[in-house]
Every structure is written in structure tokens, then in C-alpha cells.
Amino acid sequence: MFIALFTDADVGKELAKQLRKRGYDAISALETGRYKPSDEEQWDYAISEQRTILTFNTRDFEPLFKKY
């Protein structure tokens, strides 16, 4: 079983496309039109969709991770 991924806007949509080509369940913030919400809104969206968020923005997401 694979994990479902949600790539944050700083990752870009191409990675999600390439992952899907290899059989992974991946969507990007850009593909879903979620490129302007705050980091917390991105985090909440990923949780609501039962997806693991993939981001390069560790500085902003680490505090969100620690809250949970």
C-alpha cells in the first residue's frame, strides 16, 4: 500500500505528475488550485484528504507538525 501524497506549492506539480506515472497516488497544490492558501490551510487540506504533505518548506511546516 502506498501513501497518498499532496505536494505543496513550493514542490511544483511536475513531481506529482511523475509520481502518478509510476503508480503513486499524488496530487499537487497547483493542480488543485491550492497555491495561495496559508501553510496551515495547506496542512489542514492534506489532513482532510488523508494525504501526507510533501514540502521543501520545513521552517514553516515543522511547527504545524509539532502541534499534532
C-alpha atoms as a PDB file:
ATOM      1  CA  MET A   1       0.000   0.000   0.000  1.00  0.00           C
ATOM      2  CA  PHE A   2       1.327   3.425  -0.960  1.00  0.00           C
ATOM      3  CA  ILE A   3       0.806   6.606   0.943  1.00  0.00           C
ATOM      4  CA  ALA A   4      -1.293   9.330  -0.654  1.00  0.00           C
ATOM      5  CA  LEU A   5       0.782  12.459  -1.263  1.00  0.00           C
ATOM      6  CA  PHE A   6      -0.071  16.136  -1.515  1.00  0.00           C
ATOM      7  CA  THR A   7       2.816  18.213  -2.857  1.00  0.00           C
ATOM      8  CA  ASP A   8       2.926  21.756  -1.547  1.00  0.00           C
ATOM      9  CA  ALA A   9       3.151  24.713  -3.943  1.00  0.00           C
ATOM     10  CA  ASP A  10       6.913  25.028  -3.429  1.00  0.00           C
ATOM     11  CA  VAL A  11       7.404  21.495  -4.769  1.00  0.00           C
ATOM     12  CA  GLY A  12       5.598  22.059  -8.055  1.00  0.00           C
ATOM     13  CA  LYS A  13       3.111  19.985  -9.976  1.00  0.00           C
ATOM     14  CA  GLU A  14       5.610  18.127 -12.156  1.00  0.00           C
ATOM     15  CA  LEU A  15       6.731  15.874  -9.305  1.00  0.00           C
ATOM     16  CA  ALA A  16       3.143  14.808  -8.600  1.00  0.00           C
ATOM     17  CA  LYS A  17       2.676  14.027 -12.304  1.00  0.00           C
ATOM     18  CA  GLN A  18       5.841  11.926 -12.393  1.00  0.00           C
ATOM     19  CA  LEU A  19       4.838  10.057  -9.243  1.00  0.00           C
ATOM     20  CA  ARG A  20       1.422   9.250 -10.737  1.00  0.00           C
ATOM     21  CA  LYS A  21       3.128   7.860 -13.849  1.00  0.00           C
ATOM     22  CA  ARG A  22       4.892   5.433 -11.523  1.00  0.00           C
ATOM     23  CA  GLY A  23       1.672   4.352  -9.812  1.00  0.00           C
ATOM     24  CA  TYR A  24       1.651   6.624  -6.767  1.00  0.00           C
ATOM     25  CA  ASP A  25      -1.406   8.486  -5.522  1.00  0.00           C
ATOM     26  CA  ALA A  26      -0.122  12.067  -5.721  1.00  0.00           C
ATOM     27  CA  ILE A  27      -1.710  15.464  -6.291  1.00  0.00           C
ATOM     28  CA  SER A  28      -0.184  18.909  -6.176  1.00  0.00           C
ATOM     29  CA  ALA A  29      -1.335  22.166  -4.659  1.00  0.00           C
ATOM     30  CA  LEU A  30      -1.084  23.741  -8.106  1.00  0.00           C
ATOM     31  CA  GLU A  31      -3.261  21.071  -9.720  1.00  0.00           C
ATOM     32  CA  THR A  32      -5.964  21.516  -7.100  1.00  0.00           C
ATOM     33  CA  GLY A  33      -5.844  25.314  -7.276  1.00  0.00           C
ATOM     34  CA  ARG A  34      -4.481  25.499  -3.730  1.00  0.00           C
ATOM     35  CA  TYR A  35      -1.362  27.563  -4.405  1.00  0.00           C
ATOM     36  CA  LYS A  36      -2.393  30.666  -2.439  1.00  0.00           C
ATOM     37  CA  PRO A  37      -3.699  29.333   0.903  1.00  0.00           C
ATOM     38  CA  SER A  38      -1.605  29.689   4.022  1.00  0.00           C
ATOM     39  CA  ASP A  39       0.670  26.872   5.141  1.00  0.00           C
ATOM     40  CA  GLU A  40      -1.820  25.968   7.851  1.00  0.00           C
ATOM     41  CA  GLU A  41      -4.630  25.774   5.288  1.00  0.00           C
ATOM     42  CA  GLN A  42      -2.452  23.515   3.115  1.00  0.00           C
ATOM     43  CA  TRP A  43      -1.741  21.352   6.160  1.00  0.00           C
ATOM     44  CA  ASP A  44      -5.443  21.136   7.041  1.00  0.00           C
ATOM     45  CA  TYR A  45      -6.318  20.225   3.450  1.00  0.00           C
ATOM     46  CA  ALA A  46      -3.770  17.408   3.374  1.00  0.00           C
ATOM     47  CA  ILE A  47      -5.140  16.045   6.648  1.00  0.00           C
ATOM     48  CA  SER A  48      -8.749  16.292   5.470  1.00  0.00           C
ATOM     49  CA  GLU A  49      -7.828  14.333   2.323  1.00  0.00           C
ATOM     50  CA  GLN A  50      -5.793  11.802   4.360  1.00  0.00           C
ATOM     51  CA  ARG A  51      -2.650  12.715   2.454  1.00  0.00           C
ATOM     52  CA  THR A  52       0.940  13.162   3.524  1.00  0.00           C
ATOM     53  CA  ILE A  53       2.179  16.631   2.678  1.00  0.00           C
ATOM     54  CA  LEU A  54       5.440  16.828   0.759  1.00  0.00           C
ATOM     55  CA  THR A  55       7.155  20.202   1.052  1.00  0.00           C
ATOM     56  CA  PHE A  56      10.566  21.841   1.000  1.00  0.00           C
ATOM     57  CA  ASN A  57       9.280  24.470   3.433  1.00  0.00           C
ATOM     58  CA  THR A  58      10.354  22.795   6.663  1.00  0.00           C
ATOM     59  CA  ARG A  59      10.747  26.072   8.533  1.00  0.00           C
ATOM     60  CA  ASP A  60       7.023  26.816   8.365  1.00  0.00           C
ATOM     61  CA  PHE A  61       5.657  23.275   8.472  1.00  0.00           C
ATOM     62  CA  GLU A  62       7.735  21.941  11.367  1.00  0.00           C
ATOM     63  CA  PRO A  63       5.771  23.990  13.958  1.00  0.00           C
ATOM     64  CA  LEU A  64       2.500  22.705  12.434  1.00  0.00           C
ATOM     65  CA  PHE A  65       3.790  19.149  12.665  1.00  0.00           C
ATOM     66  CA  LYS A  66       4.719  19.625  16.317  1.00  0.00           C
ATOM     67  CA  LYS A  67       1.194  20.851  17.117  1.00  0.00           C
ATOM     68  CA  TYR A  68      -0.175  17.453  16.087  1.00  0.00           C
END
